[in-house]
Amino acid sequence: MKQDTEKINKIVKIYPIFYSLTADTIFFVPIDTLFLTLVKNLNASQISALTTIGLLICILSQKIIEKIAKKIGNVNSIRLGCFLLLVSAIILTFGNSFIALILYKITIEYAYMFWLMSNILLKNNLTYMNRKDEYFFVRNKAKIMYGIATMITALISGYLFNINAYFPLYISIFLYVITFMLSLNFKEAEYMDENESEKEIKHSKNTKLSALVILVILSNALFYAIIKLGQNNSKLFMQYDFSNVLSVENVTYLLTTIVLISRVSRIIGNIVLGKLYRKIKDKLSILLTILELLAFSLVVVGHYISFNFMLKVVIMATGFCIILAIRDSFQVYIEDTALRISKKEQQQKVMIKIEVYRKLIQLIFGLLFTLVLTKFDLSVVIIILCVLSTIEIILNKGMYDRLVNDKNTERYS
């Protein structure tokens, strides 16, 4: 018993390191478009097609993924996810045809669906050690370490790419071998949910998710889609705005500086919001959506400032940095809340739905914004994001009220 507790505690301690190395292909992301266009000879439409196909197949495979995860359990799901990450990196490195790259994208989408079970593993192991309230803070620490890792790799991946275009991929393969070996030592604590009898657990296997859980999942899907698309379009928006005044070379220097600062703001945001969560708890979701609206409002306001270029840059860059500063904390809060208010037997289904709904809303919004941009400029997209952020504030206020008043929430907290 003591050995099990020590091993589980060790797994909890190494989780942030495991997460920071597997949450993304950290050496590939900074040079992804360069690698795909210059090395794999893809054009912009082919790169877009890769993303779309990967998302669609993953969304359509939701039920299959749920059944497999339920059959093999959380620990084996994590191992499968890590193995698929390794396979995807190998395909990306050595596959040269468009079909091979589609296979890469599908494989990595599947990988992350199974890899998500690591969050359940963390929650259950913390619960076993009577530390279930620490989930947000352990996950937040993992996000901070991930932010530091991506900041470092953003600085060196370009240099490695210029030496040899395949160096970042070789390092990624090596890291995935290490993390797969690490996952072989994972263990999930077995415990009886203190709020559920065996009879209730058996009954819960076929019950549907509660309306509150669905609301939490939808809130996350909307927030993430707004943030993800807002981040990409705001960056492009700044590029177009700044190019009216600066040369292409100076715009590149300015944007890379802003991106670097935004990486720092992401780390600082996780630290500050992590401490703030201890005081305001579920009100954090409302605060984050208000900051979301503020971020896009600043980008729009900065766009219309023409009398002072430096003021324009500062205001738009501030809005962009806020987007990065809040994106991680909302995701962690949603995971913590969803796992807290759902039954143990529903955890896998909940985590998979969180990811699937997020991908689905992102895909729908992405297609809608593509249509909007055929007739309007980017300022209209950012204004739409402001409207959606306002809707998100209302949705999160309703979610907060339900979390405070709902008896089921009190039961499973």
Protein backbone atom coordinates (compact mmCIF):
# COMPACT_ATOMS: atom_id res chain seq x y z
CA MET A 1 0.00 0.00 0.00
CA LYS A 2 2.81 2.36 0.92
CA GLN A 3 4.70 1.50 -2.26
CA ASP A 4 1.59 2.16 -4.36
CA THR A 5 1.10 5.54 -2.68
CA GLU A 6 4.73 6.48 -3.27
CA LYS A 7 4.53 5.44 -6.92
CA ILE A 8 1.29 7.36 -7.48
CA ASN A 9 2.76 10.42 -5.81
CA LYS A 10 5.80 10.13 -8.09
CA ILE A 11 3.53 9.95 -11.16
CA VAL A 12 1.74 13.12 -10.03
CA LYS A 13 5.10 14.87 -9.62
CA ILE A 14 6.37 13.96 -13.09
CA TYR A 15 3.03 14.75 -14.79
CA PRO A 16 3.95 18.42 -15.52
CA ILE A 17 7.15 17.28 -17.27
CA PHE A 18 5.27 14.60 -19.20
CA TYR A 19 2.63 17.14 -20.25
CA SER A 20 5.15 19.80 -21.34
CA LEU A 21 6.84 17.31 -23.70
CA THR A 22 3.70 15.72 -25.18
CA ALA A 23 1.05 18.48 -25.29
CA ASP A 24 2.33 19.43 -28.74
CA THR A 25 5.14 18.68 -31.17
CA ILE A 26 7.06 21.48 -29.50
CA PHE A 27 10.05 21.40 -31.86
CA PHE A 28 7.88 21.19 -34.98
CA VAL A 29 5.17 23.80 -34.35
CA PRO A 30 7.49 26.86 -34.66
CA ILE A 31 8.60 25.74 -38.14
CA ASP A 32 5.49 23.82 -39.26
CA THR A 33 4.54 25.99 -42.24
CA LEU A 34 8.18 26.27 -43.33
CA PHE A 35 8.65 22.49 -43.15
CA LEU A 36 5.42 21.65 -44.96
CA THR A 37 5.93 24.19 -47.76
CA LEU A 38 9.71 24.10 -48.31
CA VAL A 39 10.46 20.46 -47.45
CA LYS A 40 7.20 18.63 -48.21
CA ASN A 41 6.26 21.01 -51.06
CA LEU A 42 2.68 21.62 -49.95
CA ASN A 43 0.74 24.76 -50.80
CA ALA A 44 -1.56 26.73 -48.50
CA SER A 45 -4.73 24.96 -49.66
CA GLN A 46 -3.16 21.53 -49.08
CA ILE A 47 -2.08 22.51 -45.56
CA SER A 48 -5.61 23.72 -44.85
CA ALA A 49 -7.00 20.47 -46.27
CA LEU A 50 -4.78 18.44 -43.93
CA THR A 51 -6.21 20.22 -40.89
CA THR A 52 -9.81 19.93 -42.09
CA ILE A 53 -9.57 16.23 -42.94
CA GLY A 54 -7.90 15.44 -39.62
CA LEU A 55 -10.57 17.29 -37.64
CA LEU A 56 -13.48 15.73 -39.55
CA ILE A 57 -12.27 12.15 -39.20
CA CYS A 58 -11.54 12.66 -35.51
CA ILE A 59 -15.01 14.14 -34.89
CA LEU A 60 -16.72 11.30 -36.80
CA SER A 61 -14.70 8.73 -34.82
CA GLN A 62 -15.90 9.96 -31.42
CA LYS A 63 -17.95 6.86 -30.56
CA ILE A 64 -15.20 4.49 -31.66
CA ILE A 65 -12.63 6.32 -29.56
CA GLU A 66 -14.97 6.24 -26.55
CA LYS A 67 -15.45 2.46 -26.88
CA ILE A 68 -11.72 1.78 -27.25
CA ALA A 69 -10.82 4.01 -24.29
CA LYS A 70 -13.47 2.32 -22.14
CA LYS A 71 -12.25 -1.12 -23.20
CA ILE A 72 -8.54 -0.60 -22.53
CA GLY A 73 -8.76 1.85 -19.60
CA ASN A 74 -7.05 5.16 -18.87
CA VAL A 75 -3.47 3.93 -18.45
CA ASN A 76 -3.43 1.91 -21.69
CA SER A 77 -5.16 4.79 -23.49
CA ILE A 78 -2.30 7.08 -22.46
CA ARG A 79 0.24 4.54 -23.68
CA LEU A 80 -1.62 4.18 -26.98
CA GLY A 81 -1.74 7.96 -27.32
CA CYS A 82 2.01 8.27 -26.73
CA PHE A 83 2.72 5.48 -29.20
CA LEU A 84 0.56 7.15 -31.86
CA LEU A 85 2.38 10.45 -31.26
CA LEU A 86 5.64 8.63 -32.00
CA VAL A 87 4.14 7.04 -35.12
CA SER A 88 2.79 10.40 -36.33
CA ALA A 89 6.22 12.03 -35.95
CA ILE A 90 7.83 9.20 -37.94
CA ILE A 91 5.23 9.50 -40.72
CA LEU A 92 5.68 13.28 -40.85
CA THR A 93 9.46 12.93 -41.04
CA PHE A 94 9.76 10.21 -43.66
CA GLY A 95 6.44 10.45 -45.55
CA ASN A 96 6.69 12.47 -48.74
CA SER A 97 3.31 12.01 -50.42
CA PHE A 98 0.18 14.03 -49.66
CA ILE A 99 -1.59 10.80 -48.65
CA ALA A 100 1.19 10.09 -46.12
CA LEU A 101 0.78 13.55 -44.62
CA ILE A 102 -3.00 13.05 -44.36
CA LEU A 103 -2.23 9.83 -42.49
CA TYR A 104 0.09 11.83 -40.21
CA LYS A 105 -2.65 14.34 -39.43
CA ILE A 106 -5.25 11.64 -38.72
CA THR A 107 -2.80 9.72 -36.53
CA ILE A 108 -1.87 12.73 -34.42
CA GLU A 109 -5.56 13.69 -33.96
CA TYR A 110 -6.30 10.16 -32.69
CA ALA A 111 -3.18 10.27 -30.53
CA TYR A 112 -4.34 13.33 -28.62
CA MET A 113 -7.81 11.91 -28.06
CA PHE A 114 -6.32 8.93 -26.21
CA TRP A 115 -3.60 11.07 -24.60
CA LEU A 116 -6.38 13.13 -22.94
CA MET A 117 -6.94 10.28 -20.51
CA SER A 118 -3.79 11.50 -18.73
CA ASN A 119 -5.96 14.26 -17.24
CA ILE A 120 -8.32 11.67 -15.76
CA LEU A 121 -5.34 9.72 -14.45
CA LEU A 122 -4.09 12.85 -12.71
CA LYS A 123 -7.52 13.67 -11.23
CA ASN A 124 -8.05 10.13 -9.92
CA ASN A 125 -4.56 9.85 -8.47
CA LEU A 126 -4.96 13.18 -6.68
CA THR A 127 -8.35 12.05 -5.36
CA TYR A 128 -6.81 8.82 -4.09
CA MET A 129 -4.26 10.87 -2.11
CA ASN A 130 -7.00 13.20 -0.77
CA ARG A 131 -5.69 16.05 -2.91
CA LYS A 132 -8.52 16.31 -5.46
CA ASP A 133 -8.74 20.10 -4.99
CA GLU A 134 -5.18 20.43 -6.30
CA TYR A 135 -6.03 19.37 -9.88
CA PHE A 136 -6.21 22.95 -11.16
CA PHE A 137 -2.85 23.85 -9.64
CA VAL A 138 -0.98 20.75 -10.89
CA ARG A 139 -2.43 21.22 -14.38
CA ASN A 140 -1.62 24.92 -14.22
CA LYS A 141 1.98 24.08 -13.30
CA ALA A 142 2.07 21.76 -16.30
CA LYS A 143 0.81 24.59 -18.53
CA ILE A 144 3.52 26.91 -17.18
CA MET A 145 6.22 24.34 -17.91
CA TYR A 146 4.73 23.81 -21.38
CA GLY A 147 4.81 27.57 -21.96
CA ILE A 148 8.48 27.72 -20.99
CA ALA A 149 9.26 24.74 -23.23
CA THR A 150 7.50 26.27 -26.25
CA MET A 151 9.21 29.61 -25.67
CA ILE A 152 12.62 27.91 -25.70
CA THR A 153 11.85 25.77 -28.75
CA ALA A 154 10.45 28.80 -30.58
CA LEU A 155 13.87 30.39 -30.19
CA ILE A 156 15.97 27.40 -31.32
CA SER A 157 13.78 25.49 -33.80
CA GLY A 158 14.38 28.03 -36.57
CA TYR A 159 18.13 27.82 -36.03
CA LEU A 160 18.03 24.01 -36.14
CA PHE A 161 15.84 24.12 -39.25
CA ASN A 162 18.40 26.29 -41.05
CA ILE A 163 21.17 23.79 -40.21
CA ASN A 164 19.10 20.80 -41.31
CA ALA A 165 15.36 20.94 -41.98
CA TYR A 166 14.86 17.52 -40.35
CA PHE A 167 16.65 18.23 -37.05
CA PRO A 168 13.49 19.46 -35.23
CA LEU A 169 11.67 16.29 -36.34
CA TYR A 170 14.47 13.99 -35.21
CA ILE A 171 14.37 15.62 -31.78
CA SER A 172 10.59 15.20 -31.68
CA ILE A 173 10.91 11.48 -32.44
CA PHE A 174 13.50 11.12 -29.69
CA LEU A 175 11.24 12.91 -27.17
CA TYR A 176 8.27 10.71 -28.07
CA VAL A 177 10.37 7.57 -27.54
CA ILE A 178 11.25 8.87 -24.06
CA THR A 179 7.64 9.82 -23.19
CA PHE A 180 6.31 6.48 -24.45
CA MET A 181 8.79 4.66 -22.21
CA LEU A 182 7.74 6.95 -19.37
CA SER A 183 4.06 6.11 -19.92
CA LEU A 184 4.83 2.40 -19.41
CA ASN A 185 5.43 3.19 -15.73
CA PHE A 186 2.11 5.00 -15.23
CA LYS A 187 -0.35 3.64 -12.70
CA GLU A 188 -3.90 4.69 -11.83
CA ALA A 189 -5.08 4.45 -8.24
CA GLU A 190 -8.15 2.34 -7.55
CA TYR A 191 -10.61 3.89 -5.12
CA MET A 192 -14.32 4.03 -4.39
CA ASP A 193 -15.93 7.38 -5.07
CA GLU A 194 -16.94 8.62 -1.63
CA ASN A 195 -20.16 10.06 -3.03
CA GLU A 196 -21.36 6.97 -4.88
CA SER A 197 -22.38 3.54 -3.71
CA GLU A 198 -21.67 0.47 -5.84
CA LYS A 199 -25.32 0.40 -6.86
CA GLU A 200 -25.18 3.99 -8.04
CA ILE A 201 -21.96 3.35 -9.96
CA LYS A 202 -23.53 0.42 -11.82
CA HIS A 203 -26.57 2.56 -12.59
CA SER A 204 -24.43 5.45 -13.81
CA LYS A 205 -22.81 3.42 -16.58
CA ASN A 206 -25.70 3.97 -18.97
CA THR A 207 -26.88 7.37 -17.80
CA LYS A 208 -26.58 10.46 -19.96
CA LEU A 209 -24.43 13.41 -19.04
CA SER A 210 -26.24 16.01 -16.96
CA ALA A 211 -27.36 19.30 -18.47
CA LEU A 212 -24.76 21.11 -16.36
CA VAL A 213 -21.92 18.94 -17.71
CA ILE A 214 -23.10 19.60 -21.28
CA LEU A 215 -23.22 23.34 -20.52
CA VAL A 216 -19.62 23.22 -19.25
CA ILE A 217 -18.51 21.35 -22.38
CA LEU A 218 -20.27 23.82 -24.71
CA SER A 219 -18.85 26.79 -22.81
CA ASN A 220 -15.34 25.45 -23.33
CA ALA A 221 -15.97 24.73 -27.02
CA LEU A 222 -17.16 28.28 -27.66
CA PHE A 223 -14.37 29.89 -25.65
CA TYR A 224 -11.63 27.82 -27.27
CA ALA A 225 -12.92 28.42 -30.81
CA ILE A 226 -13.07 32.17 -30.17
CA ILE A 227 -9.57 32.21 -28.68
CA LYS A 228 -8.00 29.94 -31.29
CA LEU A 229 -9.45 31.74 -34.31
CA GLY A 230 -9.02 35.10 -32.61
CA GLN A 231 -5.34 34.44 -32.00
CA ASN A 232 -4.69 33.50 -35.64
CA ASN A 233 -6.77 36.31 -37.15
CA SER A 234 -5.49 38.98 -34.73
CA LYS A 235 -1.92 38.15 -35.68
CA LEU A 236 -2.78 38.41 -39.38
CA PHE A 237 -4.76 41.61 -38.68
CA MET A 238 -1.70 43.22 -37.06
CA GLN A 239 0.48 42.12 -39.97
CA TYR A 240 -1.79 43.85 -42.50
CA ASP A 241 -2.13 46.98 -40.36
CA PHE A 242 1.59 47.35 -39.71
CA SER A 243 2.49 46.73 -43.38
CA ASN A 244 0.71 49.99 -44.26
CA VAL A 245 3.48 51.85 -42.45
CA LEU A 246 6.50 49.54 -42.26
CA SER A 247 8.52 47.50 -44.73
CA VAL A 248 8.07 43.74 -44.90
CA GLU A 249 11.34 43.21 -43.05
CA ASN A 250 10.39 45.55 -40.19
CA VAL A 251 6.90 44.03 -39.94
CA THR A 252 8.53 40.60 -39.55
CA TYR A 253 10.80 41.85 -36.75
CA LEU A 254 7.91 43.60 -35.00
CA LEU A 255 5.56 40.61 -35.21
CA THR A 256 8.16 38.12 -33.98
CA THR A 257 8.86 40.43 -31.03
CA ILE A 258 5.15 40.62 -30.20
CA VAL A 259 4.83 36.81 -30.47
CA LEU A 260 7.80 36.37 -28.13
CA ILE A 261 6.27 38.81 -25.61
CA SER A 262 2.95 36.97 -25.92
CA ARG A 263 4.72 33.72 -24.98
CA VAL A 264 6.00 35.41 -21.84
CA SER A 265 2.52 36.80 -21.11
CA ARG A 266 1.13 33.27 -21.43
CA ILE A 267 3.43 32.08 -18.66
CA ILE A 268 2.74 35.12 -16.47
CA GLY A 269 -1.01 34.76 -17.08
CA ASN A 270 -0.96 31.15 -15.90
CA ILE A 271 0.92 32.11 -12.74
CA VAL A 272 -1.30 35.08 -11.88
CA LEU A 273 -4.60 33.38 -12.73
CA GLY A 274 -3.53 30.26 -10.84
CA LYS A 275 -3.13 32.32 -7.68
CA LEU A 276 -6.33 34.23 -8.37
CA TYR A 277 -8.29 30.99 -8.67
CA ARG A 278 -7.62 30.23 -5.00
CA LYS A 279 -9.62 33.33 -4.10
CA ILE A 280 -12.43 33.55 -6.64
CA LYS A 281 -12.93 29.86 -7.63
CA ASP A 282 -15.82 29.48 -10.14
CA LYS A 283 -15.96 33.22 -10.80
CA LEU A 284 -12.75 32.69 -12.77
CA SER A 285 -14.74 31.67 -15.86
CA ILE A 286 -16.60 35.00 -15.87
CA LEU A 287 -13.38 36.97 -15.40
CA LEU A 288 -11.66 35.14 -18.26
CA THR A 289 -14.51 35.79 -20.69
CA ILE A 290 -14.53 39.49 -19.75
CA LEU A 291 -10.79 39.58 -20.48
CA GLU A 292 -11.52 37.79 -23.76
CA LEU A 293 -13.89 40.58 -24.79
CA LEU A 294 -11.34 43.19 -23.67
CA ALA A 295 -8.62 41.55 -25.78
CA PHE A 296 -10.56 41.68 -29.04
CA SER A 297 -11.88 45.15 -28.25
CA LEU A 298 -8.29 46.40 -27.93
CA VAL A 299 -7.37 44.84 -31.28
CA VAL A 300 -10.32 46.60 -32.95
CA VAL A 301 -9.63 49.94 -31.23
CA GLY A 302 -5.96 49.75 -32.18
CA HIS A 303 -6.90 49.15 -35.80
CA TYR A 304 -8.79 52.45 -35.99
CA ILE A 305 -5.99 54.51 -34.41
CA SER A 306 -4.26 56.36 -37.24
CA PHE A 307 -2.79 59.41 -35.49
CA ASN A 308 -0.05 57.55 -33.56
CA PHE A 309 1.55 54.39 -34.92
CA MET A 310 3.30 53.39 -31.69
CA LEU A 311 0.05 53.72 -29.76
CA LYS A 312 -1.61 51.50 -32.39
CA VAL A 313 1.11 48.86 -31.94
CA VAL A 314 0.94 48.93 -28.13
CA ILE A 315 -2.86 48.64 -27.98
CA MET A 316 -3.14 45.87 -30.58
CA ALA A 317 -0.20 43.97 -29.09
CA THR A 318 -1.72 44.26 -25.60
CA GLY A 319 -4.95 42.71 -26.87
CA PHE A 320 -3.01 39.90 -28.55
CA CYS A 321 -1.01 39.19 -25.38
CA ILE A 322 -4.19 39.01 -23.29
CA ILE A 323 -5.51 36.31 -25.66
CA LEU A 324 -2.44 34.17 -24.91
CA ALA A 325 -2.52 34.97 -21.20
CA ILE A 326 -6.03 33.57 -20.64
CA ARG A 327 -6.33 30.59 -23.00
CA ASP A 328 -4.68 27.96 -20.78
CA SER A 329 -6.41 28.82 -17.50
CA PHE A 330 -9.90 28.46 -18.98
CA GLN A 331 -9.12 25.04 -20.41
CA VAL A 332 -7.75 23.80 -17.06
CA TYR A 333 -10.71 25.26 -15.17
CA ILE A 334 -13.18 23.52 -17.50
CA GLU A 335 -11.42 20.17 -17.16
CA ASP A 336 -11.38 20.48 -13.37
CA THR A 337 -15.05 21.49 -13.24
CA ALA A 338 -16.24 18.84 -15.70
CA LEU A 339 -14.44 16.03 -13.87
CA ARG A 340 -15.66 17.37 -10.52
CA ILE A 341 -19.34 17.39 -11.42
CA SER A 342 -19.44 14.16 -13.45
CA LYS A 343 -19.54 10.59 -12.19
CA LYS A 344 -16.35 8.54 -12.25
CA GLU A 345 -17.76 6.17 -14.87
CA GLN A 346 -18.45 9.14 -17.18
CA GLN A 347 -14.97 10.72 -17.05
CA GLN A 348 -13.66 9.26 -20.31
CA LYS A 349 -16.82 10.25 -22.17
CA VAL A 350 -16.63 13.76 -20.72
CA MET A 351 -12.97 14.31 -21.69
CA ILE A 352 -13.53 13.01 -25.22
CA LYS A 353 -16.62 15.20 -25.67
CA ILE A 354 -14.70 18.26 -24.42
CA GLU A 355 -12.15 17.72 -27.18
CA VAL A 356 -14.63 16.72 -29.91
CA TYR A 357 -17.00 19.65 -29.30
CA ARG A 358 -14.04 22.00 -29.23
CA LYS A 359 -12.84 20.72 -32.60
CA LEU A 360 -16.37 20.81 -34.04
CA ILE A 361 -17.10 24.42 -33.05
CA GLN A 362 -13.64 25.47 -34.20
CA LEU A 363 -14.24 23.82 -37.57
CA ILE A 364 -17.69 25.44 -37.99
CA PHE A 365 -16.43 28.90 -37.04
CA GLY A 366 -13.41 28.48 -39.28
CA LEU A 367 -15.63 27.75 -42.28
CA LEU A 368 -17.97 30.65 -41.43
CA PHE A 369 -15.08 33.10 -41.08
CA THR A 370 -13.68 31.91 -44.41
CA LEU A 371 -17.01 32.83 -46.03
CA VAL A 372 -17.08 36.19 -44.24
CA LEU A 373 -13.59 37.03 -45.49
CA THR A 374 -14.67 36.50 -49.09
CA LYS A 375 -16.77 39.70 -48.83
CA PHE A 376 -15.39 41.63 -45.83
CA ASP A 377 -12.01 42.46 -44.33
CA LEU A 378 -10.51 41.14 -41.10
CA SER A 379 -11.94 43.95 -38.99
CA VAL A 380 -15.40 42.40 -39.43
CA VAL A 381 -14.11 39.04 -38.16
CA ILE A 382 -12.63 40.66 -35.04
CA ILE A 383 -15.90 42.53 -34.40
CA ILE A 384 -17.81 39.22 -34.72
CA LEU A 385 -15.40 37.76 -32.15
CA CYS A 386 -16.31 40.64 -29.81
CA VAL A 387 -19.99 39.76 -30.20
CA LEU A 388 -19.29 36.07 -29.58
CA SER A 389 -17.26 36.99 -26.50
CA THR A 390 -20.25 38.89 -25.14
CA ILE A 391 -22.42 35.81 -25.67
CA GLU A 392 -19.74 33.76 -23.89
CA ILE A 393 -19.90 36.09 -20.86
CA ILE A 394 -23.67 35.53 -20.61
CA LEU A 395 -23.21 31.77 -21.01
CA ASN A 396 -20.56 31.64 -18.30
CA LYS A 397 -22.66 33.73 -15.93
CA GLY A 398 -25.42 31.15 -16.34
CA MET A 399 -22.91 28.33 -15.83
CA TYR A 400 -21.63 29.98 -12.66
CA ASP A 401 -25.15 30.34 -11.27
CA ARG A 402 -25.82 26.66 -11.96
CA LEU A 403 -22.55 25.62 -10.32
CA VAL A 404 -23.46 27.56 -7.20
CA ASN A 405 -27.05 26.39 -6.97
CA ASP A 406 -27.14 22.96 -8.56
CA LYS A 407 -27.47 20.20 -5.96
CA ASN A 408 -25.72 17.68 -8.16
CA THR A 409 -22.66 19.89 -8.23
CA GLU A 410 -22.55 19.99 -4.44
CA ARG A 411 -22.95 16.24 -4.34
CA TYR A 412 -20.00 15.45 -6.58
CA SER A 413 -17.64 18.26 -5.49
